[in-house]
N, C-alpha and C. Protein backbone atom coordinates (compact mmCIF):
# COMPACT_ATOMS: atom_id res chain seq x y z
N MET A 1 -5.57 -15.61 12.56
CA MET A 1 -4.54 -14.88 11.73
C MET A 1 -5.19 -14.64 10.30
N THR A 2 -4.82 -13.39 9.79
CA THR A 2 -5.37 -13.06 8.51
C THR A 2 -4.17 -13.77 7.54
N THR A 3 -4.58 -14.17 6.42
CA THR A 3 -3.60 -14.70 5.54
C THR A 3 -3.67 -13.93 4.17
N LYS A 4 -2.48 -13.59 3.83
CA LYS A 4 -2.23 -12.81 2.54
C LYS A 4 -1.40 -14.02 1.89
N PRO A 5 -1.48 -13.92 0.45
CA PRO A 5 -0.75 -14.89 -0.24
C PRO A 5 0.72 -14.86 0.17
N GLY A 6 1.22 -16.04 0.53
CA GLY A 6 2.67 -16.31 0.79
C GLY A 6 3.13 -15.82 2.31
N LYS A 7 2.07 -15.16 3.11
CA LYS A 7 2.69 -14.63 4.38
C LYS A 7 1.43 -14.50 5.28
N PRO A 8 1.55 -15.41 6.46
CA PRO A 8 0.35 -15.29 7.42
C PRO A 8 0.58 -14.03 8.14
N LEU A 9 -0.39 -13.14 8.43
CA LEU A 9 -0.39 -12.03 9.20
C LEU A 9 -1.12 -12.20 10.57
N PRO A 10 -0.67 -11.66 11.62
CA PRO A 10 -1.50 -11.79 12.86
C PRO A 10 -2.86 -10.91 12.85
N HIS A 11 -3.65 -11.47 13.59
CA HIS A 11 -4.84 -10.55 13.88
C HIS A 11 -4.45 -9.54 14.83
N LEU A 12 -4.79 -8.28 14.48
CA LEU A 12 -4.44 -7.20 15.42
C LEU A 12 -5.89 -6.45 15.84
N THR A 13 -5.73 -6.07 17.15
CA THR A 13 -6.82 -5.48 17.73
C THR A 13 -6.63 -4.04 18.22
N PRO A 14 -7.48 -3.13 17.66
CA PRO A 14 -7.35 -1.81 18.00
C PRO A 14 -7.53 -1.66 19.61
N THR A 15 -6.68 -0.80 20.25
CA THR A 15 -6.49 -0.67 21.78
C THR A 15 -7.28 0.52 22.36
N GLY A 16 -7.81 1.44 21.53
CA GLY A 16 -8.35 2.64 21.78
C GLY A 16 -7.30 3.73 21.91
N THR A 17 -6.08 3.38 21.71
CA THR A 17 -4.99 4.41 21.79
C THR A 17 -4.07 4.39 20.47
N CYS A 18 -3.88 5.43 20.00
CA CYS A 18 -3.13 5.66 18.75
C CYS A 18 -1.87 4.74 18.60
N TRP A 19 -1.54 3.93 17.70
CA TRP A 19 -0.53 3.17 17.58
C TRP A 19 0.76 3.77 17.10
N CYS A 20 0.64 5.16 16.75
CA CYS A 20 1.90 5.81 16.32
C CYS A 20 2.73 6.17 17.58
N GLY A 21 2.10 6.07 18.85
CA GLY A 21 2.96 6.35 20.15
C GLY A 21 2.53 7.65 20.59
N CYS A 22 1.58 8.42 20.06
CA CYS A 22 1.33 9.74 20.53
C CYS A 22 0.37 9.67 21.93
N ALA A 23 -0.03 8.53 22.00
CA ALA A 23 -1.06 8.15 23.24
C ALA A 23 -2.49 8.91 23.07
N LYS A 24 -2.80 9.46 21.92
CA LYS A 24 -4.05 10.01 21.73
C LYS A 24 -5.14 8.89 21.73
N LYS A 25 -6.23 9.27 22.35
CA LYS A 25 -7.42 8.17 22.35
C LYS A 25 -8.11 8.15 20.91
N VAL A 26 -8.38 7.01 20.33
CA VAL A 26 -8.99 6.92 19.05
C VAL A 26 -10.28 6.10 19.21
N GLY A 27 -11.09 6.24 18.23
CA GLY A 27 -12.48 5.72 18.15
C GLY A 27 -12.24 4.18 18.14
N ALA A 28 -13.38 3.51 18.47
CA ALA A 28 -13.54 2.10 18.47
C ALA A 28 -13.27 1.62 17.00
N GLY A 29 -12.36 0.53 16.76
CA GLY A 29 -12.14 0.08 15.58
C GLY A 29 -10.93 0.77 14.92
N SER A 30 -10.39 1.93 15.53
CA SER A 30 -9.23 2.69 14.72
C SER A 30 -7.92 2.26 15.40
N PHE A 31 -6.95 2.24 14.65
CA PHE A 31 -5.57 2.00 15.11
C PHE A 31 -4.91 3.27 15.27
N PHE A 32 -5.31 4.32 14.52
CA PHE A 32 -4.50 5.54 14.48
C PHE A 32 -5.51 6.87 14.45
N ALA A 33 -4.94 7.88 15.11
CA ALA A 33 -5.64 9.15 15.02
C ALA A 33 -5.55 9.60 13.52
N PRO A 34 -6.45 10.51 12.99
CA PRO A 34 -6.25 10.83 11.58
C PRO A 34 -4.93 11.30 11.14
N GLY A 35 -4.43 10.66 10.04
CA GLY A 35 -3.01 11.09 9.71
C GLY A 35 -2.01 10.38 10.38
N HIS A 36 -2.08 9.76 11.50
CA HIS A 36 -1.02 9.31 12.25
C HIS A 36 -0.46 8.01 11.66
N ASP A 37 -1.21 7.39 10.86
CA ASP A 37 -0.63 6.09 10.19
C ASP A 37 0.53 6.54 9.53
N LYS A 38 0.35 7.66 8.83
CA LYS A 38 1.65 8.12 7.91
C LYS A 38 2.74 8.67 8.84
N VAL A 39 2.37 9.17 10.07
CA VAL A 39 3.50 9.63 11.01
C VAL A 39 4.19 8.38 11.46
N ALA A 40 3.44 7.27 11.70
CA ALA A 40 4.14 6.05 12.22
C ALA A 40 4.88 5.47 10.99
N GLU A 41 4.41 5.54 9.88
CA GLU A 41 5.14 4.86 8.75
C GLU A 41 6.39 5.76 8.29
N ALA A 42 6.40 7.01 8.52
CA ALA A 42 7.61 7.82 8.33
C ALA A 42 8.60 7.56 9.51
N ALA A 43 8.09 7.61 10.71
CA ALA A 43 9.05 7.35 11.92
C ALA A 43 9.77 6.03 11.68
N LEU A 44 8.96 4.91 11.26
CA LEU A 44 9.72 3.62 11.13
C LEU A 44 10.68 3.67 10.03
N LEU A 45 10.24 4.34 8.96
CA LEU A 45 11.37 4.39 7.75
C LEU A 45 12.43 5.08 8.26
N ALA A 46 12.37 6.08 9.01
CA ALA A 46 13.51 6.99 9.71
C ALA A 46 14.24 6.13 10.46
N ALA A 47 13.81 5.55 11.38
CA ALA A 47 14.31 4.78 12.50
C ALA A 47 15.13 3.55 11.91
N GLU A 48 14.34 2.81 11.01
CA GLU A 48 15.10 1.39 10.63
C GLU A 48 15.86 1.72 9.22
N TYR A 49 15.61 2.58 8.52
CA TYR A 49 16.04 2.69 7.11
C TYR A 49 16.60 3.98 6.64
N GLY A 50 16.96 4.96 7.66
CA GLY A 50 17.46 6.14 7.29
C GLY A 50 16.60 7.06 6.42
N SER A 51 15.33 6.90 6.58
CA SER A 51 14.29 7.53 5.75
C SER A 51 14.43 7.27 4.18
N SER A 52 15.07 6.18 3.99
CA SER A 52 15.36 5.83 2.47
C SER A 52 14.53 4.59 2.08
N VAL A 53 13.57 4.80 1.25
CA VAL A 53 12.79 3.71 0.65
C VAL A 53 13.72 2.78 -0.06
N ALA A 54 14.84 3.22 -0.76
CA ALA A 54 15.77 2.30 -1.35
C ALA A 54 16.32 1.35 -0.50
N GLN A 55 16.71 1.84 0.76
CA GLN A 55 17.21 1.00 1.89
C GLN A 55 16.21 -0.12 2.38
N LEU A 56 14.98 0.33 2.46
CA LEU A 56 13.84 -0.55 2.84
C LEU A 56 13.78 -1.67 1.80
N LEU A 57 13.67 -1.37 0.55
CA LEU A 57 13.63 -2.11 -0.57
C LEU A 57 14.83 -3.31 -0.52
N HIS A 58 16.02 -2.59 -0.34
CA HIS A 58 17.21 -3.47 -0.37
C HIS A 58 17.21 -4.52 0.75
N ALA A 59 16.75 -3.96 1.82
CA ALA A 59 16.75 -4.84 3.13
C ALA A 59 15.80 -6.10 3.02
N HIS A 60 14.85 -6.00 2.20
CA HIS A 60 13.83 -7.06 1.92
C HIS A 60 14.03 -7.65 0.68
N GLY A 61 15.11 -7.55 0.02
CA GLY A 61 15.57 -8.25 -1.27
C GLY A 61 14.96 -7.73 -2.46
N TYR A 62 14.56 -6.46 -2.44
CA TYR A 62 14.07 -5.90 -3.61
C TYR A 62 14.76 -4.72 -4.21
N GLY A 63 14.73 -4.55 -5.59
CA GLY A 63 15.63 -3.48 -6.33
C GLY A 63 15.32 -3.70 -7.79
N PRO A 64 16.25 -3.27 -8.49
CA PRO A 64 16.16 -3.28 -10.06
C PRO A 64 16.07 -4.69 -10.59
N GLY A 65 16.60 -5.66 -10.08
CA GLY A 65 16.44 -6.98 -10.47
C GLY A 65 15.30 -7.81 -9.81
N HIS A 66 14.59 -7.29 -8.84
CA HIS A 66 13.54 -8.04 -8.29
C HIS A 66 12.53 -7.01 -7.75
N SER A 67 11.49 -6.82 -8.61
CA SER A 67 10.50 -5.82 -8.41
C SER A 67 9.46 -6.16 -7.25
N VAL A 68 9.26 -5.43 -6.31
CA VAL A 68 8.24 -5.48 -5.25
C VAL A 68 6.81 -5.36 -5.98
N SER A 69 6.72 -4.46 -6.93
CA SER A 69 5.55 -4.26 -7.59
C SER A 69 5.01 -5.48 -8.27
N ALA A 70 5.85 -6.08 -8.98
CA ALA A 70 5.70 -7.35 -9.57
C ALA A 70 5.21 -8.47 -8.68
N ARG A 71 5.96 -8.53 -7.52
CA ARG A 71 5.40 -9.38 -6.57
C ARG A 71 4.04 -9.13 -6.10
N ALA A 72 3.64 -7.99 -5.86
CA ALA A 72 2.35 -7.52 -5.16
C ALA A 72 1.30 -8.05 -6.31
N VAL A 73 1.65 -7.82 -7.70
CA VAL A 73 0.78 -8.24 -8.75
C VAL A 73 0.56 -9.79 -8.73
N ALA A 74 1.73 -10.47 -8.51
CA ALA A 74 1.80 -12.11 -8.59
C ALA A 74 1.00 -12.57 -7.41
N GLU A 75 1.15 -11.74 -6.27
CA GLU A 75 0.41 -12.40 -5.08
C GLU A 75 -0.86 -12.03 -5.12
N GLY A 76 -1.44 -11.29 -6.09
CA GLY A 76 -2.88 -10.82 -6.15
C GLY A 76 -3.29 -9.78 -5.19
N VAL A 77 -2.42 -9.02 -4.52
CA VAL A 77 -2.76 -7.87 -3.76
C VAL A 77 -2.76 -6.58 -4.71
N TRP A 78 -2.05 -6.63 -5.68
CA TRP A 78 -2.21 -5.36 -6.66
C TRP A 78 -2.54 -6.04 -8.07
N ARG A 79 -2.80 -5.08 -8.85
CA ARG A 79 -3.45 -5.55 -10.20
C ARG A 79 -2.69 -4.74 -11.31
N LYS A 80 -2.71 -5.21 -12.42
CA LYS A 80 -2.17 -4.47 -13.65
C LYS A 80 -3.25 -4.05 -14.40
N CYS A 81 -3.01 -2.74 -14.90
CA CYS A 81 -3.96 -2.10 -15.72
C CYS A 81 -4.04 -3.02 -17.15
N PRO A 82 -5.29 -3.29 -17.39
CA PRO A 82 -5.49 -4.07 -18.65
C PRO A 82 -4.99 -3.27 -20.00
N SER A 83 -4.92 -1.99 -19.79
CA SER A 83 -4.56 -1.15 -21.08
C SER A 83 -3.19 -0.69 -21.15
N CYS A 84 -2.35 -0.87 -19.97
CA CYS A 84 -0.94 -0.21 -19.97
C CYS A 84 -0.16 -0.97 -18.94
N ALA A 85 1.00 -0.39 -18.61
CA ALA A 85 1.84 -1.19 -17.72
C ALA A 85 1.53 -0.66 -16.23
N TYR A 86 0.65 0.23 -16.00
CA TYR A 86 0.42 0.71 -14.52
C TYR A 86 0.04 -0.36 -13.70
N VAL A 87 0.61 -0.47 -12.53
CA VAL A 87 0.18 -1.32 -11.52
C VAL A 87 -0.18 -0.63 -10.26
N GLY A 88 -1.14 -1.22 -9.52
CA GLY A 88 -1.56 -0.69 -8.09
C GLY A 88 -2.55 -1.46 -7.54
N ALA A 89 -2.99 -1.03 -6.26
CA ALA A 89 -4.17 -1.67 -5.56
C ALA A 89 -5.21 -1.60 -6.53
N PRO A 90 -6.37 -2.33 -6.20
CA PRO A 90 -7.56 -2.26 -7.08
C PRO A 90 -8.21 -0.98 -7.18
N ALA A 91 -8.25 -0.30 -6.00
CA ALA A 91 -8.93 1.03 -6.10
C ALA A 91 -8.07 2.07 -6.95
N SER A 92 -6.71 1.79 -6.88
CA SER A 92 -5.92 2.86 -7.68
C SER A 92 -6.02 2.48 -9.11
N ILE A 93 -6.14 1.29 -9.50
CA ILE A 93 -6.34 0.70 -10.95
C ILE A 93 -7.69 1.38 -11.36
N ALA A 94 -8.81 1.34 -10.53
CA ALA A 94 -10.18 1.92 -11.05
C ALA A 94 -9.89 3.36 -11.17
N ASN A 95 -9.34 4.12 -10.36
CA ASN A 95 -9.20 5.44 -10.59
C ASN A 95 -8.28 5.81 -11.79
N HIS A 96 -7.23 5.10 -11.94
CA HIS A 96 -6.26 5.18 -13.08
C HIS A 96 -7.02 4.95 -14.32
N THR A 97 -7.88 3.85 -14.47
CA THR A 97 -8.60 3.55 -15.66
C THR A 97 -9.62 4.54 -15.96
N LYS A 98 -10.27 5.07 -14.92
CA LYS A 98 -11.25 6.36 -15.30
C LYS A 98 -10.66 7.51 -15.89
N ARG A 99 -9.43 7.79 -15.32
CA ARG A 99 -8.73 9.08 -15.61
C ARG A 99 -7.92 8.92 -17.00
N GLY A 100 -7.19 7.53 -17.04
CA GLY A 100 -6.24 7.46 -18.17
C GLY A 100 -6.74 6.78 -19.29
N HIS A 101 -7.91 6.23 -19.21
CA HIS A 101 -8.26 5.25 -20.37
C HIS A 101 -9.87 5.41 -20.50
N ALA A 102 -10.14 6.70 -20.73
CA ALA A 102 -11.72 6.98 -20.90
C ALA A 102 -12.00 6.36 -22.34
N PRO A 103 -13.12 5.97 -22.45
CA PRO A 103 -13.63 5.30 -23.80
C PRO A 103 -13.45 6.40 -24.81
N ALA A 104 -13.06 5.81 -26.03
CA ALA A 104 -13.16 6.66 -27.20
C ALA A 104 -14.24 7.20 -27.59
N PRO A 105 -14.45 8.38 -28.08
CA PRO A 105 -15.84 8.97 -28.64
C PRO A 105 -16.39 8.08 -29.75
N THR A 106 -17.64 7.81 -29.59
CA THR A 106 -18.05 7.06 -30.78
C THR A 106 -18.10 7.97 -32.04
N GLU A 107 -18.08 7.16 -33.22
CA GLU A 107 -17.93 8.07 -34.47
C GLU A 107 -19.47 8.38 -34.88
N GLN A 108 -19.47 9.58 -35.46
CA GLN A 108 -20.84 10.11 -35.90
C GLN A 108 -20.91 9.74 -37.37
N VAL A 109 -22.06 9.16 -37.75
CA VAL A 109 -22.15 8.82 -39.11
C VAL A 109 -23.05 9.59 -39.93
C-alpha cells in the first residue's frame, strides 16, 4: 500500500485497458488513454454528486468552515506560496512563483 499522510492507499496496477471504462488498450504503466482520466473524473462527479463540486466537498465534510485546501497543506501534499496566500501542488507553486513573484529588478547606481 502507498501511504499518504492520514490515509493508506492501495497499490493499483495498470491492466492494459483504460480505467474510464471505454475499453481502449493503453500502454504499459498507464491507467488511462490520453485525456480519459478527466473523462472518468467528470463521470464520477456526475454519477455520485450531480456534477457538483460543492456536493462532493460537502459529502466529505468540507466547505466554508472546513477547508480541503488547508487540509492538503497540513498533510504535506500541497504547499503554500511563501510570498502570498496561494496554495497548490508543488509543481503549481513553482509555476505560480515564476509567474507571480518574479524577482524585483536590481537598482542601478
